[in-house]
PDB file of N, CA and C in Angstrom:
ATOM      1  N   MET A   1      25.509   0.316  52.133  1.00  0.00           N
ATOM      2  CA  MET A   1      23.750   0.475  51.471  1.00  0.00           C
ATOM      3  C   MET A   1      23.200  -0.718  51.799  1.00  0.00           C
ATOM      4  N   THR A   2      22.272  -0.654  52.446  1.00  0.00           N
ATOM      5  CA  THR A   2      21.355  -2.087  53.041  1.00  0.00           C
ATOM      6  C   THR A   2      20.234  -2.318  51.897  1.00  0.00           C
ATOM      7  N   PRO A   3      20.416  -3.574  51.686  1.00  0.00           N
ATOM      8  CA  PRO A   3      19.078  -3.942  50.585  1.00  0.00           C
ATOM      9  C   PRO A   3      17.719  -3.659  51.229  1.00  0.00           C
ATOM     10  N   GLU A   4      16.845  -3.186  50.546  1.00  0.00           N
ATOM     11  CA  GLU A   4      15.246  -3.197  50.586  1.00  0.00           C
ATOM     12  C   GLU A   4      14.606  -4.314  51.115  1.00  0.00           C
ATOM     13  N   ILE A   5      13.968  -4.208  52.365  1.00  0.00           N
ATOM     14  CA  ILE A   5      13.279  -5.623  52.689  1.00  0.00           C
ATOM     15  C   ILE A   5      11.836  -5.327  52.561  1.00  0.00           C
ATOM     16  N   THR A   6      10.773  -6.311  51.894  1.00  0.00           N
ATOM     17  CA  THR A   6       9.590  -6.086  51.559  1.00  0.00           C
ATOM     18  C   THR A   6       8.826  -7.375  51.947  1.00  0.00           C
ATOM     19  N   ASN A   7       7.673  -7.175  52.461  1.00  0.00           N
ATOM     20  CA  ASN A   7       6.757  -8.163  52.848  1.00  0.00           C
ATOM     21  C   ASN A   7       6.091  -8.773  51.703  1.00  0.00           C
ATOM     22  N   VAL A   8       6.299  -8.630  50.414  1.00  0.00           N
ATOM     23  CA  VAL A   8       5.827  -9.030  49.259  1.00  0.00           C
ATOM     24  C   VAL A   8       6.243 -10.555  48.938  1.00  0.00           C
ATOM     25  N   PRO A   9       5.516 -11.428  48.729  1.00  0.00           N
ATOM     26  CA  PRO A   9       5.758 -12.740  48.316  1.00  0.00           C
ATOM     27  C   PRO A   9       6.201 -12.547  46.825  1.00  0.00           C
ATOM     28  N   LYS A  10       7.244 -13.695  46.746  1.00  0.00           N
ATOM     29  CA  LYS A  10       7.733 -13.890  45.183  1.00  0.00           C
ATOM     30  C   LYS A  10       6.326 -14.044  44.285  1.00  0.00           C
ATOM     31  N   ALA A  11       6.533 -13.296  42.904  1.00  0.00           N
ATOM     32  CA  ALA A  11       5.343 -13.377  42.237  1.00  0.00           C
ATOM     33  C   ALA A  11       5.306 -15.098  41.503  1.00  0.00           C
ATOM     34  N   PRO A  12       4.128 -15.389  41.298  1.00  0.00           N
ATOM     35  CA  PRO A  12       4.064 -16.603  40.495  1.00  0.00           C
ATOM     36  C   PRO A  12       4.709 -16.827  39.037  1.00  0.00           C
ATOM     37  N   ARG A  13       5.256 -17.835  38.421  1.00  0.00           N
ATOM     38  CA  ARG A  13       5.985 -17.852  37.330  1.00  0.00           C
ATOM     39  C   ARG A  13       4.917 -17.268  36.099  1.00  0.00           C
ATOM     40  N   TRP A  14       3.510 -17.462  35.769  1.00  0.00           N
ATOM     41  CA  TRP A  14       2.851 -17.030  34.985  1.00  0.00           C
ATOM     42  C   TRP A  14       2.880 -15.322  34.791  1.00  0.00           C
ATOM     43  N   ILE A  15       3.438 -14.686  36.069  1.00  0.00           N
ATOM     44  CA  ILE A  15       3.640 -12.937  36.092  1.00  0.00           C
ATOM     45  C   ILE A  15       4.857 -12.919  35.441  1.00  0.00           C
ATOM     46  N   ASN A  16       5.029 -12.730  33.826  1.00  0.00           N
ATOM     47  CA  ASN A  16       6.213 -12.440  33.244  1.00  0.00           C
ATOM     48  C   ASN A  16       6.688 -11.360  32.685  1.00  0.00           C
ATOM     49  N   THR A  17       5.896  -9.994  32.541  1.00  0.00           N
ATOM     50  CA  THR A  17       6.064  -8.945  32.484  1.00  0.00           C
ATOM     51  C   THR A  17       6.647  -8.097  33.077  1.00  0.00           C
ATOM     52  N   GLU A  18       7.448  -7.185  33.032  1.00  0.00           N
ATOM     53  CA  GLU A  18       7.760  -5.937  33.770  1.00  0.00           C
ATOM     54  C   GLU A  18       6.683  -5.559  34.589  1.00  0.00           C
ATOM     55  N   ALA A  19       5.829  -4.835  33.758  1.00  0.00           N
ATOM     56  CA  ALA A  19       4.265  -4.335  34.443  1.00  0.00           C
ATOM     57  C   ALA A  19       3.654  -5.325  35.420  1.00  0.00           C
ATOM     58  N   GLY A  20       3.759  -6.568  34.893  1.00  0.00           N
ATOM     59  CA  GLY A  20       2.806  -7.473  36.177  1.00  0.00           C
ATOM     60  C   GLY A  20       3.718  -7.790  37.053  1.00  0.00           C
ATOM     61  N   HIS A  21       5.166  -7.799  37.401  1.00  0.00           N
ATOM     62  CA  HIS A  21       6.005  -7.637  38.308  1.00  0.00           C
ATOM     63  C   HIS A  21       5.965  -6.431  39.333  1.00  0.00           C
ATOM     64  N   LYS A  22       5.631  -5.342  38.556  1.00  0.00           N
ATOM     65  CA  LYS A  22       5.590  -4.022  39.059  1.00  0.00           C
ATOM     66  C   LYS A  22       4.109  -4.292  39.909  1.00  0.00           C
ATOM     67  N   ALA A  23       3.164  -4.227  39.449  1.00  0.00           N
ATOM     68  CA  ALA A  23       1.828  -4.550  39.862  1.00  0.00           C
ATOM     69  C   ALA A  23       1.920  -5.508  41.042  1.00  0.00           C
ATOM     70  N   TRP A  24       2.550  -6.508  40.875  1.00  0.00           N
ATOM     71  CA  TRP A  24       2.508  -7.698  42.060  1.00  0.00           C
ATOM     72  C   TRP A  24       3.044  -7.196  43.204  1.00  0.00           C
ATOM     73  N   CYS A  25       4.118  -6.184  43.065  1.00  0.00           N
ATOM     74  CA  CYS A  25       4.464  -5.567  44.039  1.00  0.00           C
ATOM     75  C   CYS A  25       4.016  -4.332  44.661  1.00  0.00           C
ATOM     76  N   GLU A  26       3.471  -3.620  44.102  1.00  0.00           N
ATOM     77  CA  GLU A  26       2.751  -2.379  44.637  1.00  0.00           C
ATOM     78  C   GLU A  26       1.614  -1.954  44.692  1.00  0.00           C
ATOM     79  N   TYR A  27       0.419  -3.221  44.213  1.00  0.00           N
ATOM     80  CA  TYR A  27      -1.007  -2.866  44.233  1.00  0.00           C
ATOM     81  C   TYR A  27      -1.392  -4.256  44.863  1.00  0.00           C
ATOM     82  N   THR A  28      -1.882  -3.850  46.195  1.00  0.00           N
ATOM     83  CA  THR A  28      -2.202  -5.230  46.975  1.00  0.00           C
ATOM     84  C   THR A  28      -3.581  -5.774  46.412  1.00  0.00           C
ATOM     85  N   LEU A  29      -4.474  -5.132  46.056  1.00  0.00           N
ATOM     86  CA  LEU A  29      -5.719  -5.476  45.231  1.00  0.00           C
ATOM     87  C   LEU A  29      -5.267  -6.274  44.010  1.00  0.00           C
ATOM     88  N   TRP A  30      -4.647  -5.857  43.156  1.00  0.00           N
ATOM     89  CA  TRP A  30      -4.125  -6.566  42.245  1.00  0.00           C
ATOM     90  C   TRP A  30      -3.707  -8.027  42.315  1.00  0.00           C
ATOM     91  N   ARG A  31      -2.520  -7.776  43.578  1.00  0.00           N
ATOM     92  CA  ARG A  31      -1.868  -9.006  43.733  1.00  0.00           C
ATOM     93  C   ARG A  31      -2.987  -9.963  44.264  1.00  0.00           C
ATOM     94  N   GLY A  32      -4.041  -9.482  45.195  1.00  0.00           N
ATOM     95  CA  GLY A  32      -4.604 -10.555  45.754  1.00  0.00           C
ATOM     96  C   GLY A  32      -5.660 -11.405  44.478  1.00  0.00           C
ATOM     97  N   LYS A  33      -5.994 -10.704  43.492  1.00  0.00           N
ATOM     98  CA  LYS A  33      -6.666 -10.969  42.290  1.00  0.00           C
ATOM     99  C   LYS A  33      -5.810 -11.872  41.514  1.00  0.00           C
ATOM    100  N   ALA A  34      -4.579 -11.676  41.275  1.00  0.00           N
ATOM    101  CA  ALA A  34      -3.633 -12.230  40.655  1.00  0.00           C
ATOM    102  C   ALA A  34      -3.255 -13.691  41.499  1.00  0.00           C
ATOM    103  N   SER A  35      -3.142 -13.500  42.681  1.00  0.00           N
ATOM    104  CA  SER A  35      -2.980 -14.706  43.487  1.00  0.00           C
ATOM    105  C   SER A  35      -4.089 -16.170  43.460  1.00  0.00           C
ATOM    106  N   LYS A  36      -5.051 -15.488  43.117  1.00  0.00           N
ATOM    107  CA  LYS A  36      -6.616 -16.317  43.087  1.00  0.00           C
ATOM    108  C   LYS A  36      -6.735 -16.771  41.572  1.00  0.00           C
ATOM    109  N   ALA A  37      -6.086 -16.285  40.295  1.00  0.00           N
ATOM    110  CA  ALA A  37      -6.457 -16.453  38.880  1.00  0.00           C
ATOM    111  C   ALA A  37      -5.742 -17.783  38.432  1.00  0.00           C
ATOM    112  N   PHE A  38      -6.594 -18.650  37.892  1.00  0.00           N
ATOM    113  CA  PHE A  38      -5.981 -19.888  37.509  1.00  0.00           C
ATOM    114  C   PHE A  38      -6.296 -19.955  36.158  1.00  0.00           C
ATOM    115  N   SER A  39      -7.202 -19.476  35.318  1.00  0.00           N
ATOM    116  CA  SER A  39      -7.529 -19.814  33.915  1.00  0.00           C
ATOM    117  C   SER A  39      -6.808 -18.624  33.040  1.00  0.00           C
ATOM    118  N   VAL A  40      -6.129 -19.138  31.796  1.00  0.00           N
ATOM    119  CA  VAL A  40      -5.190 -18.563  31.192  1.00  0.00           C
ATOM    120  C   VAL A  40      -6.102 -16.942  30.668  1.00  0.00           C
ATOM    121  N   GLN A  41      -7.578 -16.795  30.635  1.00  0.00           N
ATOM    122  CA  GLN A  41      -7.984 -15.783  30.218  1.00  0.00           C
ATOM    123  C   GLN A  41      -8.007 -14.769  31.432  1.00  0.00           C
ATOM    124  N   ASP A  42      -7.960 -15.494  32.445  1.00  0.00           N
ATOM    125  CA  ASP A  42      -8.216 -14.722  34.027  1.00  0.00           C
ATOM    126  C   ASP A  42      -6.721 -14.068  34.222  1.00  0.00           C
ATOM    127  N   ARG A  43      -5.705 -14.669  33.693  1.00  0.00           N
ATOM    128  CA  ARG A  43      -4.261 -14.315  33.983  1.00  0.00           C
ATOM    129  C   ARG A  43      -3.898 -13.030  32.695  1.00  0.00           C
ATOM    130  N   THR A  44      -4.180 -13.378  31.360  1.00  0.00           N
ATOM    131  CA  THR A  44      -4.301 -12.376  30.346  1.00  0.00           C
ATOM    132  C   THR A  44      -4.729 -10.966  30.609  1.00  0.00           C
ATOM    133  N   ARG A  45      -6.080 -11.043  31.388  1.00  0.00           N
ATOM    134  CA  ARG A  45      -6.948 -10.035  31.297  1.00  0.00           C
ATOM    135  C   ARG A  45      -6.179  -9.377  32.501  1.00  0.00           C
ATOM    136  N   LEU A  46      -5.461  -9.854  33.560  1.00  0.00           N
ATOM    137  CA  LEU A  46      -4.509  -9.367  34.983  1.00  0.00           C
ATOM    138  C   LEU A  46      -3.460  -8.691  34.056  1.00  0.00           C
ATOM    139  N   LEU A  47      -2.763  -9.436  33.168  1.00  0.00           N
ATOM    140  CA  LEU A  47      -1.649  -8.638  32.993  1.00  0.00           C
ATOM    141  C   LEU A  47      -1.827  -7.604  31.956  1.00  0.00           C
ATOM    142  N   ASP A  48      -3.322  -7.273  31.126  1.00  0.00           N
ATOM    143  CA  ASP A  48      -3.554  -6.308  30.582  1.00  0.00           C
ATOM    144  C   ASP A  48      -3.789  -5.200  31.570  1.00  0.00           C
ATOM    145  N   GLU A  49      -4.341  -5.505  32.559  1.00  0.00           N
ATOM    146  CA  GLU A  49      -4.718  -4.576  33.431  1.00  0.00           C
ATOM    147  C   GLU A  49      -3.136  -3.753  34.702  1.00  0.00           C
ATOM    148  N   ALA A  50      -2.364  -4.824  34.458  1.00  0.00           N
ATOM    149  CA  ALA A  50      -1.215  -4.261  35.111  1.00  0.00           C
ATOM    150  C   ALA A  50      -0.381  -3.343  33.910  1.00  0.00           C
ATOM    151  N   GLU A  51      -0.710  -3.615  32.822  1.00  0.00           N
ATOM    152  CA  GLU A  51       0.211  -2.626  32.003  1.00  0.00           C
ATOM    153  C   GLU A  51      -1.057  -1.327  32.035  1.00  0.00           C
ATOM    154  N   GLN A  52      -2.274  -1.277  32.237  1.00  0.00           N
ATOM    155  CA  GLN A  52      -3.116  -0.087  32.592  1.00  0.00           C
ATOM    156  C   GLN A  52      -2.378   0.803  33.850  1.00  0.00           C
ATOM    157  N   LEU A  53      -2.109  -0.056  34.894  1.00  0.00           N
ATOM    158  CA  LEU A  53      -2.198   0.259  36.278  1.00  0.00           C
ATOM    159  C   LEU A  53      -0.705   1.220  36.020  1.00  0.00           C
ATOM    160  N   THR A  54       0.341   0.382  35.144  1.00  0.00           N
ATOM    161  CA  THR A  54       1.768   0.814  35.237  1.00  0.00           C
ATOM    162  C   THR A  54       2.143   1.695  34.359  1.00  0.00           C
ATOM    163  N   HIS A  55       1.385   1.695  33.178  1.00  0.00           N
ATOM    164  CA  HIS A  55       1.381   2.791  31.840  1.00  0.00           C
ATOM    165  C   HIS A  55      -0.050   3.001  31.501  1.00  0.00           C
ATOM    166  N   PRO A  56      -0.366   3.926  32.554  1.00  0.00           N
ATOM    167  CA  PRO A  56      -1.962   4.410  32.257  1.00  0.00           C
ATOM    168  C   PRO A  56      -1.910   5.278  30.797  1.00  0.00           C
ATOM    169  N   GLU A  57      -0.885   5.719  29.948  1.00  0.00           N
ATOM    170  CA  GLU A  57      -1.102   6.521  28.749  1.00  0.00           C
ATOM    171  C   GLU A  57      -1.049   5.541  27.671  1.00  0.00           C
ATOM    172  N   VAL A  58      -1.147   4.182  27.716  1.00  0.00           N
ATOM    173  CA  VAL A  58      -1.074   3.032  26.958  1.00  0.00           C
ATOM    174  C   VAL A  58      -2.766   2.516  27.001  1.00  0.00           C
ATOM    175  N   VAL A  59      -3.233   2.374  25.843  1.00  0.00           N
ATOM    176  CA  VAL A  59      -4.913   2.297  25.818  1.00  0.00           C
ATOM    177  C   VAL A  59      -4.790   0.817  25.428  1.00  0.00           C
ATOM    178  N   ILE A  60      -5.180  -0.458  25.998  1.00  0.00           N
ATOM    179  CA  ILE A  60      -5.634  -1.511  25.451  1.00  0.00           C
ATOM    180  C   ILE A  60      -6.954  -1.802  25.219  1.00  0.00           C
ATOM    181  N   ASP A  61      -7.351  -1.740  24.013  1.00  0.00           N
ATOM    182  CA  ASP A  61      -8.994  -2.276  23.590  1.00  0.00           C
ATOM    183  C   ASP A  61      -9.107  -3.479  23.061  1.00  0.00           C
ATOM    184  N   ASP A  62      -9.747  -4.556  23.696  1.00  0.00           N
ATOM    185  CA  ASP A  62      -9.836  -6.032  22.949  1.00  0.00           C
ATOM    186  C   ASP A  62     -10.830  -5.855  22.524  1.00  0.00           C
ATOM    187  N   ARG A  63     -11.776  -4.772  22.078  1.00  0.00           N
ATOM    188  CA  ARG A  63     -13.158  -5.106  21.623  1.00  0.00           C
ATOM    189  C   ARG A  63     -12.998  -5.384  20.023  1.00  0.00           C
ATOM    190  N   GLN A  64     -14.040  -6.362  19.498  1.00  0.00           N
ATOM    191  CA  GLN A  64     -13.779  -6.835  18.031  1.00  0.00           C
ATOM    192  C   GLN A  64     -15.242  -5.840  17.465  1.00  0.00           C
ATOM    193  N   ASP A  65     -15.069  -4.455  17.550  1.00  0.00           N
ATOM    194  CA  ASP A  65     -16.202  -3.636  16.679  1.00  0.00           C
ATOM    195  C   ASP A  65     -15.281  -3.498  15.365  1.00  0.00           C
ATOM    196  N   THR A  66     -16.553  -4.009  14.224  1.00  0.00           N
ATOM    197  CA  THR A  66     -16.102  -3.807  12.996  1.00  0.00           C
ATOM    198  C   THR A  66     -16.996  -3.061  12.295  1.00  0.00           C
ATOM    199  N   THR A  67     -17.953  -2.152  13.046  1.00  0.00           N
ATOM    200  CA  THR A  67     -18.779  -1.363  12.291  1.00  0.00           C
ATOM    201  C   THR A  67     -18.281  -0.390  11.699  1.00  0.00           C
ATOM    202  N   ASP A  68     -18.644   0.245  10.541  1.00  0.00           N
ATOM    203  CA  ASP A  68     -18.077   1.232   9.868  1.00  0.00           C
ATOM    204  C   ASP A  68     -18.901   2.428  10.038  1.00  0.00           C
ATOM    205  N   THR A  69     -18.317   3.223  11.117  1.00  0.00           N
ATOM    206  CA  THR A  69     -18.807   4.532  11.122  1.00  0.00           C
ATOM    207  C   THR A  69     -18.622   5.791  10.522  1.00  0.00           C
ATOM    208  N   THR A  70     -17.754   5.638   9.510  1.00  0.00           N
ATOM    209  CA  THR A  70     -17.478   6.649   8.583  1.00  0.00           C
ATOM    210  C   THR A  70     -18.409   7.175   7.662  1.00  0.00           C
ATOM    211  N   ALA A  71     -18.492   8.513   7.713  1.00  0.00           N
ATOM    212  CA  ALA A  71     -19.815   8.900   6.797  1.00  0.00           C
ATOM    213  C   ALA A  71     -19.264   8.937   5.307  1.00  0.00           C
ATOM    214  N   GLU A  72     -20.442   8.812   4.231  1.00  0.00           N
ATOM    215  CA  GLU A  72     -19.717   8.683   2.899  1.00  0.00           C
ATOM    216  C   GLU A  72     -19.103   9.783   2.292  1.00  0.00           C
ATOM    217  N   GLY A  73     -17.795   9.551   1.908  1.00  0.00           N
ATOM    218  CA  GLY A  73     -16.842  10.343   1.440  1.00  0.00           C
ATOM    219  C   GLY A  73     -15.702  11.098   2.382  1.00  0.00           C
ATOM    220  N   GLU A  74     -16.080  10.266   3.636  1.00  0.00           N
ATOM    221  CA  GLU A  74     -14.901  11.029   4.714  1.00  0.00           C
ATOM    222  C   GLU A  74     -14.034   9.716   4.615  1.00  0.00           C
ATOM    223  N   HIS A  75     -12.784   9.725   4.969  1.00  0.00           N
ATOM    224  CA  HIS A  75     -11.719   8.571   5.246  1.00  0.00           C
ATOM    225  C   HIS A  75     -11.412   8.472   6.529  1.00  0.00           C
ATOM    226  N   PRO A  76     -11.428   7.220   7.061  1.00  0.00           N
ATOM    227  CA  PRO A  76     -10.937   7.297   8.314  1.00  0.00           C
ATOM    228  C   PRO A  76      -9.521   7.534   8.626  1.00  0.00           C
ATOM    229  N   LEU A  77      -9.385   7.560  10.046  1.00  0.00           N
ATOM    230  CA  LEU A  77      -7.903   7.861  10.053  1.00  0.00           C
ATOM    231  C   LEU A  77      -6.909   6.632   9.762  1.00  0.00           C
ATOM    232  N   PRO A  78      -5.652   6.808   9.627  1.00  0.00           N
ATOM    233  CA  PRO A  78      -4.648   5.732   9.331  1.00  0.00           C
ATOM    234  C   PRO A  78      -4.514   5.035  10.464  1.00  0.00           C
ATOM    235  N   GLU A  79      -4.437   3.590  10.642  1.00  0.00           N
ATOM    236  CA  GLU A  79      -4.412   2.684  11.818  1.00  0.00           C
ATOM    237  C   GLU A  79      -2.785   3.060  12.329  1.00  0.00           C
ATOM    238  N   THR A  80      -2.802   3.042  13.707  1.00  0.00           N
ATOM    239  CA  THR A  80      -1.381   2.951  13.904  1.00  0.00           C
ATOM    240  C   THR A  80      -0.950   2.269  15.026  1.00  0.00           C
ATOM    241  N   HIS A  81      -0.029   1.513  14.906  1.00  0.00           N
ATOM    242  CA  HIS A  81       0.264  -0.004  15.600  1.00  0.00           C
ATOM    243  C   HIS A  81       1.531   0.402  16.797  1.00  0.00           C
ATOM    244  N   LEU A  82       1.106   0.441  18.188  1.00  0.00           N
ATOM    245  CA  LEU A  82       2.013   0.411  18.961  1.00  0.00           C
ATOM    246  C   LEU A  82       3.458  -0.615  18.844  1.00  0.00           C
ATOM    247  N   SER A  83       4.507  -0.719  18.811  1.00  0.00           N
ATOM    248  CA  SER A  83       5.505  -1.584  19.212  1.00  0.00           C
ATOM    249  C   SER A  83       5.914  -1.678  20.644  1.00  0.00           C
ATOM    250  N   ALA A  84       5.986  -2.912  20.821  1.00  0.00           N
ATOM    251  CA  ALA A  84       6.339  -3.293  22.333  1.00  0.00           C
ATOM    252  C   ALA A  84       7.902  -2.777  22.462  1.00  0.00           C
TER     253      ALA A  84
END
């Protein structure tokens, strides 16, 4: 069995998640953005985006909306937490 040869350069050290490595290898546009990302905020956003690309069933919502939209007498749904 021969090893698979790819033309993908080694991922930067800051890409430290499985989804990040998969996105680096499989998504050329994402890799281009990642290779130019220098700020922590950009890198964090890109790793979140990698999660979306590789696991589309997981929704990442980083908005800080604290508005109570439940009507009087109505109970909000219980919070659920995803574990890694």
